[in-house]
Amino acid sequence: MVILKRLATVIPTLIGVIIVTFLLTRVLPGDPAVYFAGPAATPQSIAEIRKSLGLDRPLPDQFLRYVNDLAHGNFGNSLSTGQSVATEIASRLPASAELTLFGLFLAIAIAVPLGIFAAVKQGSWIDHLCRVIATAGVSLPVFFTGLLLAYVFYFRLGWSPAPLGRLDAFATSPPDITGFFLIDSLITGNFETFRSALGQLILPAVTLAIFSLAPITRMTRASMLAALASEFIRTARASGLSSRTVILTYAFRNAMLPVVTTLGMVFSFLLGANVLVEKVFAWPGIGSYAVEALLQSDFAPVQGFVLTMAVLYVALNLIIDMLYGVIDPRVRVDA
């Protein structure tokens, strides 16, 4: 029932995203007709291109045409590549998803244990390290972190491969099974491609992980401190349960709800940060695709990118709602 209620709020959200995205792309500086006509074009040729693109029509007509195309699953065609936007996004989305999920996995693997230890050892050096990491993660812009990592580990130390895409020049792409190079190369047993894909993925993923460490660590620490100060924790300790059981089974499980909420927010932030990271590391994802289209005043890819991000964000919130019921059955009862 809760999922149905959430789905009922999806439609107005997506409608709002479609309207706002359409209007924003029309008020942005730059004229696609002028860009594609070239610097030597005459006003007549520019007008002909604008007419062929449908940009000479009133905005309501353009909007109705755009909505009709969306209803038929048509995101339009990119003027710069001539390809279908839906096809381009579908081919590039696995690259962005692999980068985002791997970065989030690294952040969780570091931030959650660090937050737990910081709460258990409050005031210790681990607690101070947690605060330093949280402050650094908030203070460093994601593009600066990416450039710094590339400079240190590729240019100065030579430990990392050139930050130029998903594979180095000597590796071949694995068969397209899931679109995730790490998974596809393991499925096909191509370990050389797996090592190449992992080497290319580490620096951009670490960049995203550093960006998302701060909120996850701080929320884990705060939630654990609140849980450890609860009456049921004191009762569990008085019952003779081991510290490991008290901390992981009782305290951490009750602290998970706000942490899961934070993970959802962080994932949505990473979808936006992907745009900058993909440009820094020449990563062929949908973020770099949208930036290139925006620079060329190519409306359709930008609209397709924003709509895809909105759908992913809505789907993520639905997953979080379902996780609430799994973590704490009382949520389902209250709902």
Protein backbone atom coordinates (compact mmCIF):
# COMPACT_ATOMS: atom_id res chain seq x y z
CA MET A 1 0.00 0.00 0.00
CA VAL A 2 2.85 2.36 0.84
CA ILE A 3 4.47 1.63 -2.53
CA LEU A 4 1.21 2.45 -4.33
CA LYS A 5 0.97 5.74 -2.47
CA ARG A 6 4.54 6.55 -3.42
CA LEU A 7 3.84 5.66 -7.06
CA ALA A 8 0.89 8.06 -7.02
CA THR A 9 3.32 10.91 -6.24
CA VAL A 10 5.66 9.92 -9.06
CA ILE A 11 3.45 11.16 -11.89
CA PRO A 12 3.20 14.80 -10.69
CA THR A 13 6.94 14.78 -10.00
CA LEU A 14 7.82 13.60 -13.48
CA ILE A 15 5.37 16.04 -15.05
CA GLY A 16 7.04 18.88 -13.16
CA VAL A 17 10.48 17.69 -14.27
CA ILE A 18 9.36 17.55 -17.91
CA ILE A 19 7.90 21.07 -17.81
CA VAL A 20 10.85 22.67 -16.00
CA THR A 21 13.43 20.93 -18.19
CA PHE A 22 11.66 21.94 -21.38
CA LEU A 23 11.41 25.59 -20.32
CA LEU A 24 15.00 25.78 -19.06
CA THR A 25 16.45 24.43 -22.29
CA ARG A 26 14.50 27.12 -24.20
CA VAL A 27 15.76 30.03 -22.10
CA LEU A 28 19.41 28.95 -22.02
CA PRO A 29 21.76 31.11 -24.13
CA GLY A 30 22.61 29.74 -27.54
CA ASP A 31 20.63 28.86 -30.63
CA PRO A 32 20.91 25.33 -32.05
CA ALA A 33 20.09 26.60 -35.53
CA VAL A 34 22.94 29.13 -35.41
CA TYR A 35 25.36 26.55 -34.03
CA PHE A 36 24.66 23.93 -36.69
CA ALA A 37 24.39 26.41 -39.54
CA GLY A 38 27.99 27.47 -38.97
CA PRO A 39 29.66 30.88 -38.73
CA ALA A 40 29.28 31.62 -42.44
CA ALA A 41 25.55 30.90 -42.58
CA THR A 42 23.11 33.44 -43.91
CA PRO A 43 19.99 34.50 -41.99
CA GLN A 44 17.91 32.62 -44.56
CA SER A 45 19.75 29.34 -44.01
CA ILE A 46 19.49 29.79 -40.23
CA ALA A 47 15.75 30.35 -40.55
CA GLU A 48 15.43 27.20 -42.67
CA ILE A 49 17.29 25.13 -40.10
CA ARG A 50 15.19 26.57 -37.29
CA LYS A 51 12.06 25.64 -39.23
CA SER A 52 13.29 22.09 -39.89
CA LEU A 53 13.97 21.67 -36.16
CA GLY A 54 10.53 22.99 -35.25
CA LEU A 55 12.01 25.88 -33.27
CA ASP A 56 9.96 28.45 -35.18
CA ARG A 57 6.74 27.16 -33.66
CA PRO A 58 5.15 28.63 -30.51
CA LEU A 59 6.38 27.14 -27.23
CA PRO A 60 3.05 25.40 -26.45
CA ASP A 61 3.20 23.59 -29.80
CA GLN A 62 6.81 22.57 -29.20
CA PHE A 63 5.92 21.31 -25.75
CA LEU A 64 2.94 19.26 -26.94
CA ARG A 65 5.11 17.73 -29.65
CA TYR A 66 7.77 16.88 -27.07
CA VAL A 67 5.24 15.28 -24.69
CA ASN A 68 3.74 13.26 -27.54
CA ASP A 69 7.19 11.94 -28.42
CA LEU A 70 7.82 11.00 -24.78
CA ALA A 71 4.50 9.15 -24.63
CA HIS A 72 5.74 6.99 -27.52
CA GLY A 73 9.11 6.40 -25.86
CA ASN A 74 10.89 8.81 -28.17
CA PHE A 75 13.40 11.14 -26.51
CA GLY A 76 14.22 12.73 -29.85
CA ASN A 77 17.45 12.69 -31.81
CA SER A 78 20.73 14.37 -30.94
CA LEU A 79 21.58 17.09 -33.43
CA SER A 80 25.31 16.69 -32.81
CA THR A 81 25.52 12.91 -33.32
CA GLY A 82 22.38 12.24 -35.34
CA GLN A 83 21.59 9.26 -33.09
CA SER A 84 18.51 8.56 -31.01
CA VAL A 85 18.84 10.05 -27.53
CA ALA A 86 17.27 6.95 -25.95
CA THR A 87 19.86 4.75 -27.68
CA GLU A 88 22.74 7.01 -26.64
CA ILE A 89 21.58 7.12 -23.01
CA ALA A 90 21.01 3.34 -22.90
CA SER A 91 24.54 2.73 -24.21
CA ARG A 92 26.18 5.21 -21.80
CA LEU A 93 24.10 4.60 -18.66
CA PRO A 94 25.95 1.38 -17.60
CA ALA A 95 29.24 3.31 -17.58
CA SER A 96 27.79 5.96 -15.24
CA ALA A 97 26.04 3.34 -13.10
CA GLU A 98 29.21 1.25 -12.72
CA LEU A 99 31.20 4.31 -11.66
CA THR A 100 28.56 5.58 -9.24
CA LEU A 101 27.84 2.23 -7.60
CA PHE A 102 31.52 1.34 -7.23
CA GLY A 103 32.23 4.75 -5.68
CA LEU A 104 29.29 4.35 -3.30
CA PHE A 105 30.44 0.83 -2.39
CA LEU A 106 33.90 2.15 -1.49
CA ALA A 107 32.38 4.94 0.57
CA ILE A 108 30.12 2.55 2.50
CA ALA A 109 32.98 0.09 3.11
CA ILE A 110 35.03 2.88 4.72
CA ALA A 111 32.46 5.25 6.22
CA VAL A 112 30.15 2.80 8.04
CA PRO A 113 32.89 0.96 10.02
CA LEU A 114 34.62 4.28 10.69
CA GLY A 115 31.38 5.80 12.00
CA ILE A 116 30.74 2.78 14.23
CA PHE A 117 34.26 2.83 15.69
CA ALA A 118 34.06 6.61 16.21
CA ALA A 119 30.83 6.21 18.19
CA VAL A 120 32.11 3.28 20.24
CA LYS A 121 35.47 4.98 20.94
CA GLN A 122 34.08 8.47 21.42
CA GLY A 123 36.86 11.00 22.02
CA SER A 124 39.62 8.66 20.81
CA TRP A 125 41.95 9.15 17.85
CA ILE A 126 39.47 7.22 15.67
CA ASP A 127 36.77 9.73 16.57
CA HIS A 128 39.08 12.63 15.68
CA LEU A 129 40.03 10.92 12.40
CA CYS A 130 36.34 10.58 11.61
CA ARG A 131 35.86 14.32 12.08
CA VAL A 132 38.89 15.15 9.93
CA ILE A 133 37.66 12.92 7.09
CA ALA A 134 34.16 14.39 7.32
CA THR A 135 35.52 17.94 7.19
CA ALA A 136 37.88 17.17 4.29
CA GLY A 137 35.15 15.44 2.31
CA VAL A 138 32.84 18.43 2.63
CA SER A 139 35.55 20.99 1.91
CA LEU A 140 37.12 19.51 -1.26
CA PRO A 141 35.23 20.07 -4.55
CA VAL A 142 34.83 16.82 -6.43
CA PHE A 143 36.55 18.05 -9.60
CA PHE A 144 39.54 19.28 -7.56
CA THR A 145 39.83 15.89 -5.84
CA GLY A 146 39.76 14.14 -9.20
CA LEU A 147 42.43 16.39 -10.70
CA LEU A 148 44.59 16.02 -7.58
CA LEU A 149 44.37 12.22 -7.62
CA ALA A 150 45.16 12.09 -11.34
CA TYR A 151 48.14 14.39 -10.86
CA VAL A 152 49.60 12.45 -7.93
CA PHE A 153 48.92 8.83 -8.90
CA TYR A 154 49.21 9.10 -12.69
CA PHE A 155 51.49 12.02 -13.49
CA ARG A 156 53.84 12.00 -10.49
CA LEU A 157 53.91 8.39 -9.26
CA GLY A 158 52.82 6.51 -12.37
CA TRP A 159 50.80 4.02 -10.33
CA SER A 160 47.55 4.60 -12.19
CA PRO A 161 46.83 4.25 -15.92
CA ALA A 162 46.03 7.32 -18.00
CA PRO A 163 42.63 8.74 -16.97
CA LEU A 164 41.14 8.30 -20.43
CA GLY A 165 37.98 6.24 -20.39
CA ARG A 166 36.91 2.81 -19.16
CA LEU A 167 39.74 0.74 -20.71
CA ASP A 168 43.34 1.36 -21.67
CA ALA A 169 44.41 1.35 -25.30
CA PHE A 170 45.57 -2.28 -25.27
CA ALA A 171 42.42 -3.86 -23.78
CA THR A 172 39.35 -4.97 -25.69
CA SER A 173 35.80 -4.40 -24.52
CA PRO A 174 34.05 -7.49 -23.09
CA PRO A 175 30.83 -8.81 -24.66
CA ASP A 176 27.89 -6.58 -23.78
CA ILE A 177 25.98 -8.67 -21.24
CA THR A 178 25.18 -6.24 -18.41
CA GLY A 179 27.08 -3.19 -19.66
CA PHE A 180 29.27 -3.28 -16.53
CA PHE A 181 32.81 -4.01 -17.71
CA LEU A 182 33.86 -5.56 -14.39
CA ILE A 183 30.94 -7.99 -14.35
CA ASP A 184 31.00 -8.80 -18.07
CA SER A 185 34.74 -9.49 -18.05
CA LEU A 186 34.36 -11.83 -15.05
CA ILE A 187 31.44 -13.67 -16.65
CA THR A 188 33.45 -14.28 -19.82
CA GLY A 189 36.65 -15.09 -17.92
CA ASN A 190 38.56 -12.20 -19.50
CA PHE A 191 40.77 -11.31 -16.55
CA GLU A 192 43.05 -9.05 -18.58
CA THR A 193 40.09 -6.82 -19.42
CA PHE A 194 38.94 -7.03 -15.79
CA ARG A 195 42.31 -5.73 -14.55
CA SER A 196 42.26 -2.95 -17.13
CA ALA A 197 38.68 -1.92 -16.27
CA LEU A 198 39.41 -2.01 -12.54
CA GLY A 199 42.57 0.08 -12.98
CA GLN A 200 40.68 2.71 -14.96
CA LEU A 201 37.79 2.69 -12.46
CA ILE A 202 39.73 3.12 -9.22
CA LEU A 203 40.66 6.82 -9.40
CA PRO A 204 37.24 8.19 -10.47
CA ALA A 205 35.51 5.85 -7.98
CA VAL A 206 37.80 7.00 -5.16
CA THR A 207 37.01 10.59 -6.14
CA LEU A 208 33.30 9.93 -5.70
CA ALA A 209 33.95 7.95 -2.51
CA ILE A 210 35.83 10.86 -0.91
CA PHE A 211 32.97 13.16 -1.89
CA SER A 212 30.40 10.91 -0.18
CA LEU A 213 32.42 9.83 2.87
CA ALA A 214 31.53 12.84 4.98
CA PRO A 215 27.70 12.56 5.20
CA ILE A 216 27.73 8.76 5.60
CA THR A 217 30.40 8.81 8.32
CA ARG A 218 28.77 11.64 10.27
CA MET A 219 25.29 10.11 10.11
CA THR A 220 26.57 6.65 11.11
CA ARG A 221 28.41 8.13 14.07
CA ALA A 222 25.46 10.26 15.21
CA SER A 223 22.97 7.40 14.84
CA MET A 224 25.22 4.99 16.71
CA LEU A 225 25.74 7.46 19.56
CA ALA A 226 21.98 7.86 19.91
CA ALA A 227 21.45 4.09 19.83
CA LEU A 228 24.24 3.34 22.33
CA ALA A 229 22.70 5.81 24.79
CA SER A 230 19.30 4.08 24.65
CA GLU A 231 17.73 2.11 27.50
CA PHE A 232 17.56 -1.16 25.57
CA ILE A 233 21.33 -1.06 25.00
CA ARG A 234 21.95 -0.67 28.73
CA THR A 235 19.56 -3.57 29.32
CA ALA A 236 21.41 -5.70 26.74
CA ARG A 237 24.75 -4.94 28.40
CA ALA A 238 23.32 -5.74 31.85
CA SER A 239 22.07 -9.09 30.49
CA GLY A 240 25.66 -10.14 29.88
CA LEU A 241 25.65 -9.99 26.08
CA SER A 242 29.01 -9.53 24.40
CA SER A 243 30.01 -6.07 23.18
CA ARG A 244 30.07 -7.33 19.59
CA THR A 245 26.47 -8.56 19.84
CA VAL A 246 25.28 -5.37 21.52
CA ILE A 247 26.97 -3.08 19.00
CA LEU A 248 26.27 -4.91 15.75
CA THR A 249 23.03 -6.77 16.44
CA TYR A 250 21.16 -4.24 18.55
CA ALA A 251 22.73 -0.78 18.26
CA PHE A 252 23.67 -0.80 14.58
CA ARG A 253 20.36 -2.29 13.44
CA ASN A 254 18.46 0.47 15.21
CA ALA A 255 20.84 3.07 13.77
CA MET A 256 20.43 1.85 10.19
CA LEU A 257 17.29 3.78 9.23
CA PRO A 258 18.86 7.26 9.17
CA VAL A 259 21.98 5.78 7.56
CA VAL A 260 19.89 4.26 4.75
CA THR A 261 18.16 7.60 4.28
CA THR A 262 21.56 9.27 4.02
CA LEU A 263 22.70 6.68 1.48
CA GLY A 264 19.74 7.58 -0.72
CA MET A 265 20.61 11.27 -0.53
CA VAL A 266 24.29 10.57 -1.19
CA PHE A 267 23.45 8.45 -4.22
CA SER A 268 21.41 11.31 -5.68
CA PHE A 269 24.33 13.68 -5.02
CA LEU A 270 26.68 11.26 -6.78
CA LEU A 271 24.47 11.28 -9.86
CA GLY A 272 25.13 15.01 -10.11
CA ALA A 273 28.81 14.76 -9.19
CA ASN A 274 29.23 12.18 -11.93
CA VAL A 275 29.03 14.95 -14.50
CA LEU A 276 32.24 16.58 -13.26
CA VAL A 277 34.08 13.33 -12.57
CA GLU A 278 33.29 11.98 -16.02
CA LYS A 279 34.71 15.10 -17.64
CA VAL A 280 37.89 14.97 -15.54
CA PHE A 281 38.55 11.29 -16.34
CA ALA A 282 37.11 11.26 -19.89
CA TRP A 283 34.55 8.70 -18.73
CA PRO A 284 32.00 7.90 -21.49
CA GLY A 285 28.89 8.18 -19.33
CA ILE A 286 25.66 10.11 -19.63
CA GLY A 287 27.05 13.01 -17.58
CA SER A 288 29.75 13.86 -20.13
CA TYR A 289 27.20 13.24 -22.89
CA ALA A 290 24.85 15.83 -21.37
CA VAL A 291 27.64 18.39 -20.88
CA GLU A 292 28.77 18.09 -24.50
CA ALA A 293 25.18 18.46 -25.69
CA LEU A 294 24.65 21.50 -23.46
CA LEU A 295 27.74 23.21 -24.87
CA GLN A 296 26.36 22.65 -28.37
CA SER A 297 22.85 23.89 -27.47
CA ASP A 298 21.53 20.40 -28.27
CA PHE A 299 18.25 20.29 -26.37
CA ALA A 300 17.15 16.66 -26.73
CA PRO A 301 20.10 14.98 -24.94
CA VAL A 302 19.91 17.45 -22.07
CA GLN A 303 16.19 16.82 -21.63
CA GLY A 304 16.73 13.06 -21.85
CA PHE A 305 19.53 13.23 -19.27
CA VAL A 306 17.46 15.20 -16.75
CA LEU A 307 14.44 12.96 -17.20
CA THR A 308 16.60 9.83 -16.76
CA MET A 309 18.10 11.25 -13.56
CA ALA A 310 14.60 12.04 -12.26
CA VAL A 311 13.40 8.49 -12.93
CA LEU A 312 16.48 7.04 -11.20
CA TYR A 313 15.94 9.30 -8.19
CA VAL A 314 12.28 8.30 -7.90
CA ALA A 315 13.17 4.60 -8.22
CA LEU A 316 15.82 5.01 -5.55
CA ASN A 317 13.32 6.51 -3.13
CA LEU A 318 10.95 3.60 -3.71
CA ILE A 319 13.76 1.14 -2.94
CA ILE A 320 14.57 3.04 0.26
CA ASP A 321 10.91 2.87 1.33
CA MET A 322 10.97 -0.90 0.86
CA LEU A 323 14.24 -1.19 2.78
CA TYR A 324 12.64 0.62 5.72
CA GLY A 325 10.14 -2.20 6.10
CA VAL A 326 12.88 -4.83 5.88
CA ILE A 327 15.10 -3.14 8.47
CA ASP A 328 12.32 -2.22 10.90
CA PRO A 329 8.97 -4.07 10.58
CA ARG A 330 7.36 -1.37 12.73
CA VAL A 331 7.52 0.93 9.72
CA ARG A 332 5.25 -1.42 7.79
CA VAL A 333 2.85 -1.65 10.71
CA ASP A 334 2.67 2.14 11.10
CA ALA A 335 2.14 2.52 7.35
